[in-house]
Amino acid sequence: MTTVPRVGLGTMGLDTPAEASAVTTALEMGYRHVDTAQIYENEAVVGDAVAAADVTRDEVFLATKVWADSLGYDDAIRTTRESLDRLGTDFVDLLYVHRPTATYDPPETLRAFDDLVDDGLARGVGVSNFTVPELDDALDLLDAPLVAHQTEYHPLFQRPALLDYADEHGYDVVAYSPLAGGRVREVDEVVDVAEKHDTTPESVSIAWLVAKGVCVIPKASSETHLRANLRASDLELDAEDVAAIDSVETEVELYPE
């Protein structure tokens, strides 16, 4: 079964060739996981940036997502082919249902995703922003293994039940917005752990998620931030550090439905 690289690059907001050049920099720095989506409207520049990197396509774990208005069977097939054209690739490593809303119809949508895997256009199926009951339905309906569930996850928005469910069913959790849009700098528990380890709150937030077995896709554009996010996965937090961040009670959801 496909395994998602632990640290990747989120690309929402990298809209121009100059901005998307961060993808090329990241890949040449050692990143191997790039995440985009139809709704970001940047698949073409992201694909160009992947192609410009001095790595082979097979070294890159490339993911995109089918938006909520295109989840009917025919639309999911059509728009996935369009995504591949924009990305300049014959396949994506992971294809997500972006949100289970609007045109999402579990039997029809997931049949389309199974067929896309069977046809070699996607190597794996993912879902995003699902609840546990929605995950139940998806697991019942999919023939292909579920590779990953992507969800907002950071110290200010914790959903341990989703991690337990993923562990029980053997797929990865991918955390978007793992730095809480920069708000981790304002979380006392995270700041305290960062001071203990002489590092940044951002690095601690990534290390905390990785310690939980979660994959992370922080967005970054500067070489400094790209390098810091990649290195953060090597930061070892002890059980006390993890427990301190687990205890954060303030809740901030950045991307509610």
C-alpha atoms as a PDB file:
ATOM      1  CA  MET A   1       0.000   0.000   0.000  1.00  0.00           C
ATOM      2  CA  THR A   2       1.139   3.551  -0.743  1.00  0.00           C
ATOM      3  CA  THR A   3       2.886   5.375   2.109  1.00  0.00           C
ATOM      4  CA  VAL A   4       2.698   9.149   2.305  1.00  0.00           C
ATOM      5  CA  PRO A   5       6.009  10.945   2.979  1.00  0.00           C
ATOM      6  CA  ARG A   6       5.963  12.475   6.462  1.00  0.00           C
ATOM      7  CA  VAL A   7       6.787  16.071   5.476  1.00  0.00           C
ATOM      8  CA  GLY A   8       5.470  17.631   2.302  1.00  0.00           C
ATOM      9  CA  LEU A   9       4.783  21.023   0.806  1.00  0.00           C
ATOM     10  CA  GLY A  10       1.323  22.562   0.743  1.00  0.00           C
ATOM     11  CA  THR A  11       0.855  24.825  -2.267  1.00  0.00           C
ATOM     12  CA  MET A  12      -2.359  26.743  -1.641  1.00  0.00           C
ATOM     13  CA  GLY A  13      -1.603  30.379  -2.515  1.00  0.00           C
ATOM     14  CA  LEU A  14       1.439  29.600  -4.656  1.00  0.00           C
ATOM     15  CA  ASP A  15      -0.317  30.990  -7.705  1.00  0.00           C
ATOM     16  CA  THR A  16       2.343  32.381 -10.030  1.00  0.00           C
ATOM     17  CA  PRO A  17       5.420  30.776 -11.588  1.00  0.00           C
ATOM     18  CA  ALA A  18       7.621  32.844  -9.268  1.00  0.00           C
ATOM     19  CA  GLU A  19       5.708  31.719  -6.179  1.00  0.00           C
ATOM     20  CA  ALA A  20       5.538  28.103  -7.341  1.00  0.00           C
ATOM     21  CA  SER A  21       9.307  28.045  -7.787  1.00  0.00           C
ATOM     22  CA  ALA A  22       9.260  27.153  -4.074  1.00  0.00           C
ATOM     23  CA  VAL A  23       8.188  23.689  -5.233  1.00  0.00           C
ATOM     24  CA  THR A  24      11.332  23.314  -7.310  1.00  0.00           C
ATOM     25  CA  THR A  25      13.475  24.560  -4.422  1.00  0.00           C
ATOM     26  CA  ALA A  26      11.756  22.194  -1.994  1.00  0.00           C
ATOM     27  CA  LEU A  27      12.242  19.140  -4.189  1.00  0.00           C
ATOM     28  CA  GLU A  28      15.909  19.903  -4.739  1.00  0.00           C
ATOM     29  CA  MET A  29      16.254  20.388  -0.979  1.00  0.00           C
ATOM     30  CA  GLY A  30      14.915  16.915  -0.242  1.00  0.00           C
ATOM     31  CA  TYR A  31      11.123  17.220  -0.089  1.00  0.00           C
ATOM     32  CA  ARG A  32       9.337  14.432  -1.929  1.00  0.00           C
ATOM     33  CA  HIS A  33       5.658  15.202  -1.254  1.00  0.00           C
ATOM     34  CA  VAL A  34       3.798  18.014  -3.066  1.00  0.00           C
ATOM     35  CA  ASP A  35       0.125  18.719  -2.429  1.00  0.00           C
ATOM     36  CA  THR A  36      -2.219  20.786  -4.593  1.00  0.00           C
ATOM     37  CA  ALA A  37      -5.921  20.869  -5.542  1.00  0.00           C
ATOM     38  CA  GLN A  38      -8.234  21.820  -8.356  1.00  0.00           C
ATOM     39  CA  ILE A  39      -9.744  24.642  -6.297  1.00  0.00           C
ATOM     40  CA  TYR A  40      -6.304  26.239  -5.781  1.00  0.00           C
ATOM     41  CA  GLU A  41      -6.186  26.956  -9.532  1.00  0.00           C
ATOM     42  CA  ASN A  42      -2.419  26.453  -9.529  1.00  0.00           C
ATOM     43  CA  GLU A  43      -1.972  22.918 -10.833  1.00  0.00           C
ATOM     44  CA  ALA A  44      -0.300  24.161 -14.030  1.00  0.00           C
ATOM     45  CA  VAL A  45       2.382  26.221 -12.276  1.00  0.00           C
ATOM     46  CA  VAL A  46       2.904  23.499  -9.663  1.00  0.00           C
ATOM     47  CA  GLY A  47       3.327  20.922 -12.430  1.00  0.00           C
ATOM     48  CA  ASP A  48       5.831  23.129 -14.214  1.00  0.00           C
ATOM     49  CA  ALA A  49       7.767  23.586 -10.974  1.00  0.00           C
ATOM     50  CA  VAL A  50       7.858  19.824 -10.372  1.00  0.00           C
ATOM     51  CA  ALA A  51       9.129  19.285 -13.921  1.00  0.00           C
ATOM     52  CA  ALA A  52      11.821  21.946 -13.428  1.00  0.00           C
ATOM     53  CA  ALA A  53      13.305  20.200 -10.384  1.00  0.00           C
ATOM     54  CA  ASP A  54      16.371  18.025 -10.724  1.00  0.00           C
ATOM     55  CA  VAL A  55      14.489  14.921  -9.592  1.00  0.00           C
ATOM     56  CA  THR A  56      12.627  12.279 -11.570  1.00  0.00           C
ATOM     57  CA  ARG A  57       8.830  12.135 -11.556  1.00  0.00           C
ATOM     58  CA  ASP A  58       8.891   8.760  -9.817  1.00  0.00           C
ATOM     59  CA  GLU A  59      10.750  10.346  -6.895  1.00  0.00           C
ATOM     60  CA  VAL A  60       7.900  12.795  -6.283  1.00  0.00           C
ATOM     61  CA  PHE A  61       4.733  11.949  -4.355  1.00  0.00           C
ATOM     62  CA  LEU A  62       2.236  14.241  -6.086  1.00  0.00           C
ATOM     63  CA  ALA A  63      -1.285  14.731  -4.729  1.00  0.00           C
ATOM     64  CA  THR A  64      -4.273  16.715  -5.915  1.00  0.00           C
ATOM     65  CA  LYS A  65      -7.937  16.940  -4.936  1.00  0.00           C
ATOM     66  CA  VAL A  66     -11.223  16.888  -6.849  1.00  0.00           C
ATOM     67  CA  TRP A  67     -13.333  19.841  -5.786  1.00  0.00           C
ATOM     68  CA  ALA A  68     -16.856  19.504  -4.381  1.00  0.00           C
ATOM     69  CA  ASP A  69     -18.602  20.670  -7.565  1.00  0.00           C
ATOM     70  CA  SER A  70     -17.094  17.830  -9.642  1.00  0.00           C
ATOM     71  CA  LEU A  71     -17.698  14.714  -7.564  1.00  0.00           C
ATOM     72  CA  GLY A  72     -20.347  13.098  -9.765  1.00  0.00           C
ATOM     73  CA  TYR A  73     -18.997  10.049 -11.601  1.00  0.00           C
ATOM     74  CA  ASP A  74     -18.497  11.646 -15.021  1.00  0.00           C
ATOM     75  CA  ASP A  75     -17.242  14.963 -13.645  1.00  0.00           C
ATOM     76  CA  ALA A  76     -14.742  13.274 -11.328  1.00  0.00           C
ATOM     77  CA  ILE A  77     -13.280  11.335 -14.256  1.00  0.00           C
ATOM     78  CA  ARG A  78     -13.237  14.359 -16.555  1.00  0.00           C
ATOM     79  CA  THR A  79     -11.760  16.843 -14.097  1.00  0.00           C
ATOM     80  CA  THR A  80      -9.103  14.391 -12.941  1.00  0.00           C
ATOM     81  CA  ARG A  81      -7.936  14.031 -16.548  1.00  0.00           C
ATOM     82  CA  GLU A  82      -7.898  17.834 -16.773  1.00  0.00           C
ATOM     83  CA  SER A  83      -5.835  18.013 -13.575  1.00  0.00           C
ATOM     84  CA  LEU A  84      -3.322  15.579 -15.034  1.00  0.00           C
ATOM     85  CA  ASP A  85      -3.062  17.701 -18.181  1.00  0.00           C
ATOM     86  CA  ARG A  86      -2.423  20.815 -16.103  1.00  0.00           C
ATOM     87  CA  LEU A  87       0.096  19.015 -13.910  1.00  0.00           C
ATOM     88  CA  GLY A  88       1.867  17.586 -16.944  1.00  0.00           C
ATOM     89  CA  THR A  89       1.820  14.038 -15.622  1.00  0.00           C
ATOM     90  CA  ASP A  90       0.242  10.715 -16.551  1.00  0.00           C
ATOM     91  CA  PHE A  91      -0.818   9.979 -12.962  1.00  0.00           C
ATOM     92  CA  VAL A  92      -1.021  11.376  -9.467  1.00  0.00           C
ATOM     93  CA  ASP A  93       0.194   9.385  -6.512  1.00  0.00           C
ATOM     94  CA  LEU A  94      -2.810  10.379  -4.439  1.00  0.00           C
ATOM     95  CA  LEU A  95      -6.218  11.707  -5.501  1.00  0.00           C
ATOM     96  CA  TYR A  96      -8.454  13.142  -2.794  1.00  0.00           C
ATOM     97  CA  VAL A  97     -12.139  13.855  -2.455  1.00  0.00           C
ATOM     98  CA  HIS A  98     -11.622  17.446  -1.288  1.00  0.00           C
ATOM     99  CA  ARG A  99     -14.841  17.853   0.718  1.00  0.00           C
ATOM    100  CA  PRO A 100     -17.815  15.501   1.066  1.00  0.00           C
ATOM    101  CA  THR A 101     -20.290  18.263   0.150  1.00  0.00           C
ATOM    102  CA  ALA A 102     -22.209  19.577  -2.869  1.00  0.00           C
ATOM    103  CA  THR A 103     -22.042  16.862  -5.560  1.00  0.00           C
ATOM    104  CA  TYR A 104     -20.517  14.191  -3.317  1.00  0.00           C
ATOM    105  CA  ASP A 105     -22.487  10.969  -3.688  1.00  0.00           C
ATOM    106  CA  PRO A 106     -20.557   8.200  -1.949  1.00  0.00           C
ATOM    107  CA  PRO A 107     -21.389   5.248  -4.253  1.00  0.00           C
ATOM    108  CA  GLU A 108     -20.924   7.227  -7.477  1.00  0.00           C
ATOM    109  CA  THR A 109     -17.968   9.362  -6.376  1.00  0.00           C
ATOM    110  CA  LEU A 110     -16.003   6.486  -4.910  1.00  0.00           C
ATOM    111  CA  ARG A 111     -16.755   4.254  -7.901  1.00  0.00           C
ATOM    112  CA  ALA A 112     -15.160   6.953 -10.064  1.00  0.00           C
ATOM    113  CA  PHE A 113     -12.099   7.042  -7.813  1.00  0.00           C
ATOM    114  CA  ASP A 114     -11.802   3.250  -7.936  1.00  0.00           C
ATOM    115  CA  ASP A 115     -11.982   3.382 -11.735  1.00  0.00           C
ATOM    116  CA  LEU A 116      -9.311   6.097 -11.851  1.00  0.00           C
ATOM    117  CA  VAL A 117      -7.025   3.822  -9.827  1.00  0.00           C
ATOM    118  CA  ASP A 118      -7.842   0.851 -12.055  1.00  0.00           C
ATOM    119  CA  ASP A 119      -7.004   2.967 -15.134  1.00  0.00           C
ATOM    120  CA  GLY A 120      -3.658   4.028 -13.659  1.00  0.00           C
ATOM    121  CA  LEU A 121      -4.523   7.728 -13.463  1.00  0.00           C
ATOM    122  CA  ALA A 122      -4.276   7.717  -9.669  1.00  0.00           C
ATOM    123  CA  ARG A 123      -2.087   5.395  -7.659  1.00  0.00           C
ATOM    124  CA  GLY A 124      -4.080   5.880  -4.484  1.00  0.00           C
ATOM    125  CA  VAL A 125      -7.335   7.264  -3.082  1.00  0.00           C
ATOM    126  CA  GLY A 126      -7.584   9.833  -0.320  1.00  0.00           C
ATOM    127  CA  VAL A 127     -10.371  11.757   1.356  1.00  0.00           C
ATOM    128  CA  SER A 128     -10.278  15.156   3.008  1.00  0.00           C
ATOM    129  CA  ASN A 129     -12.344  16.869   5.697  1.00  0.00           C
ATOM    130  CA  PHE A 130     -14.342  13.729   6.497  1.00  0.00           C
ATOM    131  CA  THR A 131     -16.047  12.812   9.769  1.00  0.00           C
ATOM    132  CA  VAL A 132     -15.786   9.332  11.257  1.00  0.00           C
ATOM    133  CA  PRO A 133     -19.223   8.288   9.889  1.00  0.00           C
ATOM    134  CA  GLU A 134     -18.189   9.546   6.437  1.00  0.00           C
ATOM    135  CA  LEU A 135     -14.943   7.597   6.729  1.00  0.00           C
ATOM    136  CA  ASP A 136     -16.964   4.501   7.636  1.00  0.00           C
ATOM    137  CA  ASP A 137     -19.004   4.845   4.452  1.00  0.00           C
ATOM    138  CA  ALA A 138     -15.932   5.425   2.302  1.00  0.00           C
ATOM    139  CA  LEU A 139     -14.146   2.366   3.659  1.00  0.00           C
ATOM    140  CA  ASP A 140     -17.231   0.241   3.038  1.00  0.00           C
ATOM    141  CA  LEU A 141     -17.632   1.452  -0.546  1.00  0.00           C
ATOM    142  CA  LEU A 142     -14.066   1.673  -1.845  1.00  0.00           C
ATOM    143  CA  ASP A 143     -12.424  -1.291  -3.520  1.00  0.00           C
ATOM    144  CA  ALA A 144      -9.041   0.464  -3.542  1.00  0.00           C
ATOM    145  CA  PRO A 145      -7.354   0.862  -0.151  1.00  0.00           C
ATOM    146  CA  LEU A 146      -7.819   4.239   1.496  1.00  0.00           C
ATOM    147  CA  VAL A 147      -4.342   5.772   1.568  1.00  0.00           C
ATOM    148  CA  ALA A 148      -4.913   8.955   3.553  1.00  0.00           C
ATOM    149  CA  HIS A 149      -7.346  11.310   5.233  1.00  0.00           C
ATOM    150  CA  GLN A 150      -6.323  14.947   4.984  1.00  0.00           C
ATOM    151  CA  THR A 151      -7.707  17.235   7.658  1.00  0.00           C
ATOM    152  CA  GLU A 152      -6.932  20.465   9.454  1.00  0.00           C
ATOM    153  CA  TYR A 153      -4.809  19.511  12.446  1.00  0.00           C
ATOM    154  CA  HIS A 154      -2.608  21.661  14.699  1.00  0.00           C
ATOM    155  CA  PRO A 155      -2.278  22.432  18.412  1.00  0.00           C
ATOM    156  CA  LEU A 156      -5.357  24.678  18.275  1.00  0.00           C
ATOM    157  CA  PHE A 157      -7.505  22.146  16.393  1.00  0.00           C
ATOM    158  CA  GLN A 158      -6.993  18.628  17.694  1.00  0.00           C
ATOM    159  CA  ARG A 159      -9.095  15.628  16.680  1.00  0.00           C
ATOM    160  CA  PRO A 160      -7.547  12.598  18.407  1.00  0.00           C
ATOM    161  CA  ALA A 161     -10.524  10.412  17.458  1.00  0.00           C
ATOM    162  CA  LEU A 162      -9.541  10.824  13.795  1.00  0.00           C
ATOM    163  CA  LEU A 163      -6.015   9.638  14.597  1.00  0.00           C
ATOM    164  CA  ASP A 164      -7.313   6.628  16.529  1.00  0.00           C
ATOM    165  CA  TYR A 165      -9.650   5.718  13.665  1.00  0.00           C
ATOM    166  CA  ALA A 166      -6.851   5.995  11.109  1.00  0.00           C
ATOM    167  CA  ASP A 167      -4.578   3.829  13.224  1.00  0.00           C
ATOM    168  CA  GLU A 168      -7.326   1.229  13.552  1.00  0.00           C
ATOM    169  CA  HIS A 169      -7.932   1.120   9.793  1.00  0.00           C
ATOM    170  CA  GLY A 170      -4.365   1.444   8.557  1.00  0.00           C
ATOM    171  CA  TYR A 171      -4.219   4.674   6.573  1.00  0.00           C
ATOM    172  CA  ASP A 172      -2.276   7.909   7.042  1.00  0.00           C
ATOM    173  CA  VAL A 173      -3.534  11.216   8.398  1.00  0.00           C
ATOM    174  CA  VAL A 174      -2.209  14.274   6.558  1.00  0.00           C
ATOM    175  CA  ALA A 175      -2.405  17.549   8.469  1.00  0.00           C
ATOM    176  CA  TYR A 176      -2.995  20.751   6.555  1.00  0.00           C
ATOM    177  CA  SER A 177      -2.362  24.101   8.262  1.00  0.00           C
ATOM    178  CA  PRO A 178      -0.081  22.370  10.803  1.00  0.00           C
ATOM    179  CA  LEU A 179       1.220  25.769  11.940  1.00  0.00           C
ATOM    180  CA  ALA A 180      -2.301  27.122  12.537  1.00  0.00           C
ATOM    181  CA  GLY A 181      -1.677  29.961  10.127  1.00  0.00           C
ATOM    182  CA  GLY A 182       1.200  31.166  12.311  1.00  0.00           C
ATOM    183  CA  ARG A 183      -0.896  31.142  15.479  1.00  0.00           C
ATOM    184  CA  VAL A 184       1.293  28.461  17.079  1.00  0.00           C
ATOM    185  CA  ARG A 185       3.580  31.349  18.052  1.00  0.00           C
ATOM    186  CA  GLU A 186       0.820  32.483  20.418  1.00  0.00           C
ATOM    187  CA  VAL A 187       0.223  29.121  22.138  1.00  0.00           C
ATOM    188  CA  ASP A 188       1.974  29.159  25.506  1.00  0.00           C
ATOM    189  CA  GLU A 189       2.434  25.395  25.688  1.00  0.00           C
ATOM    190  CA  VAL A 190       4.075  25.326  22.244  1.00  0.00           C
ATOM    191  CA  VAL A 191       6.277  28.319  23.043  1.00  0.00           C
ATOM    192  CA  ASP A 192       7.421  26.701  26.296  1.00  0.00           C
ATOM    193  CA  VAL A 193       8.450  23.502  24.478  1.00  0.00           C
ATOM    194  CA  ALA A 194      10.220  25.561  21.812  1.00  0.00           C
ATOM    195  CA  GLU A 195      12.222  27.428  24.444  1.00  0.00           C
ATOM    196  CA  LYS A 196      13.138  24.115  26.112  1.00  0.00           C
ATOM    197  CA  HIS A 197      14.565  22.810  22.831  1.00  0.00           C
ATOM    198  CA  ASP A 198      15.986  26.141  21.651  1.00  0.00           C
ATOM    199  CA  THR A 199      13.896  26.069  18.497  1.00  0.00           C
ATOM    200  CA  THR A 200      10.827  27.729  17.010  1.00  0.00           C
ATOM    201  CA  PRO A 201       7.152  27.142  17.809  1.00  0.00           C
ATOM    202  CA  GLU A 202       6.656  26.213  14.153  1.00  0.00           C
ATOM    203  CA  SER A 203       9.252  23.456  14.394  1.00  0.00           C
ATOM    204  CA  VAL A 204       7.667  22.189  17.598  1.00  0.00           C
ATOM    205  CA  SER A 205       4.204  22.041  16.019  1.00  0.00           C
ATOM    206  CA  ILE A 206       5.521  19.946  13.128  1.00  0.00           C
ATOM    207  CA  ALA A 207       7.536  17.701  15.456  1.00  0.00           C
ATOM    208  CA  TRP A 208       4.480  17.196  17.673  1.00  0.00           C
ATOM    209  CA  LEU A 209       2.404  16.021  14.722  1.00  0.00           C
ATOM    210  CA  VAL A 210       5.159  13.772  13.393  1.00  0.00           C
ATOM    211  CA  ALA A 211       5.533  12.265  16.877  1.00  0.00           C
ATOM    212  CA  LYS A 212       1.869  11.296  16.600  1.00  0.00           C
ATOM    213  CA  GLY A 213       2.492   9.599  13.267  1.00  0.00           C
ATOM    214  CA  VAL A 214       0.819  12.387  11.279  1.00  0.00           C
ATOM    215  CA  CYS A 215       2.086  13.600   7.903  1.00  0.00           C
ATOM    216  CA  VAL A 216       2.334  17.380   7.520  1.00  0.00           C
ATOM    217  CA  ILE A 217       2.112  19.694   4.510  1.00  0.00           C
ATOM    218  CA  PRO A 218       3.014  23.206   5.701  1.00  0.00           C
ATOM    219  CA  LYS A 219       3.091  25.896   3.054  1.00  0.00           C
ATOM    220  CA  ALA A 220       6.347  27.821   2.740  1.00  0.00           C
ATOM    221  CA  SER A 221       7.943  29.924   0.045  1.00  0.00           C
ATOM    222  CA  SER A 222      11.324  31.043   1.379  1.00  0.00           C
ATOM    223  CA  GLU A 223      14.301  28.710   1.423  1.00  0.00           C
ATOM    224  CA  THR A 224      14.765  29.416   5.135  1.00  0.00           C
ATOM    225  CA  HIS A 225      11.254  28.299   6.039  1.00  0.00           C
ATOM    226  CA  LEU A 226      11.347  25.341   3.665  1.00  0.00           C
ATOM    227  CA  ARG A 227      14.539  24.084   5.269  1.00  0.00           C
ATOM    228  CA  ALA A 228      13.275  24.674   8.815  1.00  0.00           C
ATOM    229  CA  ASN A 229      10.041  22.773   8.172  1.00  0.00           C
ATOM    230  CA  LEU A 230      11.897  19.829   6.677  1.00  0.00           C
ATOM    231  CA  ARG A 231      14.354  19.678   9.567  1.00  0.00           C
ATOM    232  CA  ALA A 232      11.565  19.898  12.146  1.00  0.00           C
ATOM    233  CA  SER A 233      10.673  16.259  11.567  1.00  0.00           C
ATOM    234  CA  ASP A 234      14.028  15.329  13.129  1.00  0.00           C
ATOM    235  CA  LEU A 235      13.251  17.204  16.361  1.00  0.00           C
ATOM    236  CA  GLU A 236      12.591  14.649  19.085  1.00  0.00           C
ATOM    237  CA  LEU A 237       9.997  15.646  21.657  1.00  0.00           C
ATOM    238  CA  ASP A 238       9.666  13.686  24.871  1.00  0.00           C
ATOM    239  CA  ALA A 239       6.379  12.395  26.286  1.00  0.00           C
ATOM    240  CA  GLU A 240       6.089  15.417  28.561  1.00  0.00           C
ATOM    241  CA  ASP A 241       6.396  17.797  25.593  1.00  0.00           C
ATOM    242  CA  VAL A 242       3.737  15.939  23.631  1.00  0.00           C
ATOM    243  CA  ALA A 243       1.399  15.802  26.622  1.00  0.00           C
ATOM    244  CA  ALA A 244       1.800  19.539  27.228  1.00  0.00           C
ATOM    245  CA  ILE A 245       0.677  20.352  23.680  1.00  0.00           C
ATOM    246  CA  ASP A 246      -2.070  17.729  23.841  1.00  0.00           C
ATOM    247  CA  SER A 247      -3.462  19.632  26.818  1.00  0.00           C
ATOM    248  CA  VAL A 248      -4.113  22.850  24.871  1.00  0.00           C
ATOM    249  CA  GLU A 249      -7.804  23.655  25.362  1.00  0.00           C
ATOM    250  CA  THR A 250      -8.216  26.678  23.097  1.00  0.00           C
ATOM    251  CA  GLU A 251      -9.845  25.706  19.801  1.00  0.00           C
ATOM    252  CA  VAL A 252      -9.467  27.610  16.533  1.00  0.00           C
ATOM    253  CA  GLU A 253     -10.689  26.030  13.295  1.00  0.00           C
ATOM    254  CA  LEU A 254      -9.235  27.936  10.352  1.00  0.00           C
ATOM    255  CA  TYR A 255     -11.243  26.278   7.571  1.00  0.00           C
ATOM    256  CA  PRO A 256     -14.741  25.338   8.730  1.00  0.00           C
ATOM    257  CA  GLU A 257     -17.072  23.951   6.097  1.00  0.00           C
END
